[in-house]
Amino acid sequence: MGCNQTIEVDLRKHSVRVPHGIVMLAGKPALGALLQVFKWNPNDTLAIHYHQKQANAVAACIAGPDGLFSLALAPGEYELRTSIGPGIDVTSVLISVKPGWHRSRRIVVPMAVGT
């Protein structure tokens, strides 16, 4: 899966109501990116969580041709793990989903070509 590193983005400080956004690769929308959603335990480090053999995705989707995605998730903390294929680094975005009346901000998932 991916290339030689994982990009980590922690957005838990800015909770969202409905996780939605865009996956970007080299400044352009990433066609066909796979987003897998995992429950996040705040006491785990990303490295421990990422390598857990028992971690099962609670949701998944493929970004559209315009790189856009939207997910329906219960309140909680999650890792959005995004991959495209060989040669592209995996991006992990940590989010906090909370109910509320406020408008959710758009999540931008940056992806990079491996070095």
Protein backbone atom coordinates (compact mmCIF):
# COMPACT_ATOMS: atom_id res chain seq x y z
CA MET A 1 0.00 0.00 0.00
CA GLY A 2 1.46 3.33 -0.97
CA CYS A 3 5.11 4.20 -1.15
CA ASN A 4 7.73 4.90 1.49
CA GLN A 5 6.14 7.22 4.04
CA THR A 6 2.87 8.19 5.67
CA ILE A 7 1.68 11.80 5.71
CA GLU A 8 -0.09 12.66 8.98
CA VAL A 9 -2.57 15.51 9.42
CA ASP A 10 -4.27 16.07 12.79
CA LEU A 11 -7.53 18.03 12.45
CA ARG A 12 -9.14 16.88 15.71
CA LYS A 13 -8.93 20.41 17.15
CA HIS A 14 -11.50 21.53 14.54
CA SER A 15 -14.37 19.07 14.86
CA VAL A 16 -16.71 18.38 11.96
CA ARG A 17 -20.36 17.41 11.83
CA VAL A 18 -20.27 15.67 8.44
CA PRO A 19 -16.81 14.65 7.17
CA HIS A 20 -16.52 15.82 3.57
CA GLY A 21 -13.82 17.31 1.44
CA ILE A 22 -11.38 16.78 -1.38
CA VAL A 23 -8.32 14.60 -1.97
CA MET A 24 -5.49 16.47 -3.71
CA LEU A 25 -2.42 15.04 -5.46
CA ALA A 26 0.24 17.46 -6.74
CA GLY A 27 -2.21 20.37 -6.54
CA LYS A 28 -4.96 18.62 -8.54
CA PRO A 29 -8.00 16.58 -7.46
CA ALA A 30 -7.03 12.93 -6.99
CA LEU A 31 -9.16 10.65 -9.14
CA GLY A 32 -10.13 7.33 -7.52
CA ALA A 33 -8.47 7.74 -4.12
CA LEU A 34 -9.53 5.10 -1.59
CA LEU A 35 -10.56 6.47 1.82
CA GLN A 36 -10.76 3.97 4.66
CA VAL A 37 -12.12 5.06 8.06
CA PHE A 38 -10.83 3.59 11.32
CA LYS A 39 -11.92 4.31 14.89
CA TRP A 40 -9.17 6.32 16.59
CA ASN A 41 -8.05 5.81 20.17
CA PRO A 42 -6.47 9.10 21.34
CA ASN A 43 -4.09 7.10 23.58
CA ASP A 44 -2.53 5.33 20.58
CA THR A 45 0.25 6.74 18.49
CA LEU A 46 -0.39 6.71 14.76
CA ALA A 47 2.39 4.15 14.24
CA ILE A 48 0.82 1.70 16.71
CA HIS A 49 -2.66 2.16 15.26
CA TYR A 50 -1.50 1.94 11.65
CA HIS A 51 0.21 -1.42 12.19
CA GLN A 52 -2.52 -3.08 14.25
CA LYS A 53 -3.51 -6.30 12.56
CA GLN A 54 -6.97 -6.23 14.17
CA ALA A 55 -7.89 -2.76 12.91
CA ASN A 56 -11.02 -3.06 10.77
CA ALA A 57 -12.34 -0.19 8.70
CA VAL A 58 -15.73 1.09 9.88
CA ALA A 59 -16.40 2.78 6.53
CA ALA A 60 -14.80 3.30 3.14
CA CYS A 61 -15.40 5.19 -0.08
CA ILE A 62 -13.73 6.08 -3.36
CA ALA A 63 -13.25 9.79 -4.12
CA GLY A 64 -15.12 10.90 -7.21
CA PRO A 65 -13.46 12.03 -10.45
CA ASP A 66 -13.31 15.53 -8.96
CA GLY A 67 -11.54 14.21 -5.82
CA LEU A 68 -14.60 14.91 -3.64
CA PHE A 69 -15.80 12.64 -0.83
CA SER A 70 -18.43 12.65 1.91
CA LEU A 71 -18.95 10.22 4.78
CA ALA A 72 -21.73 9.61 7.31
CA LEU A 73 -20.09 8.81 10.65
CA ALA A 74 -21.35 8.62 14.23
CA PRO A 75 -19.78 11.04 16.74
CA GLY A 76 -16.27 9.99 17.73
CA GLU A 77 -12.64 10.21 16.71
CA TYR A 78 -11.45 8.66 13.47
CA GLU A 79 -8.50 8.19 11.17
CA LEU A 80 -9.18 8.73 7.45
CA ARG A 81 -6.50 6.67 5.71
CA THR A 82 -6.19 7.62 2.05
CA SER A 83 -4.31 5.71 -0.62
CA ILE A 84 -4.19 5.59 -4.40
CA GLY A 85 -1.65 2.95 -5.34
CA PRO A 86 2.04 2.19 -5.77
CA GLY A 87 4.31 5.22 -5.81
CA ILE A 88 1.92 7.48 -3.89
CA ASP A 89 2.40 8.04 -0.15
CA VAL A 90 -0.46 7.15 2.22
CA THR A 91 -2.12 10.09 4.01
CA SER A 92 -3.72 9.72 7.45
CA VAL A 93 -6.04 12.48 8.62
CA LEU A 94 -7.27 12.43 12.22
CA ILE A 95 -10.72 13.94 12.70
CA SER A 96 -13.24 14.43 15.48
CA VAL A 97 -16.92 14.11 14.54
CA LYS A 98 -19.34 15.95 16.82
CA PRO A 99 -23.03 16.70 16.38
CA GLY A 100 -24.12 20.32 16.26
CA TRP A 101 -25.74 23.02 14.24
CA HIS A 102 -22.54 24.56 12.93
CA ARG A 103 -21.51 24.06 9.34
CA SER A 104 -18.75 21.49 8.85
CA ARG A 105 -15.57 22.76 7.27
CA ARG A 106 -14.19 21.06 4.21
CA ILE A 107 -11.35 18.59 4.77
CA VAL A 108 -8.43 18.81 2.33
CA VAL A 109 -6.45 15.57 2.14
CA PRO A 110 -2.97 16.20 0.69
CA MET A 111 -1.28 13.31 -1.07
CA ALA A 112 2.27 13.16 -2.42
CA VAL A 113 4.29 11.12 -4.87
CA GLY A 114 6.82 8.96 -3.00
CA THR A 115 10.47 9.92 -3.07
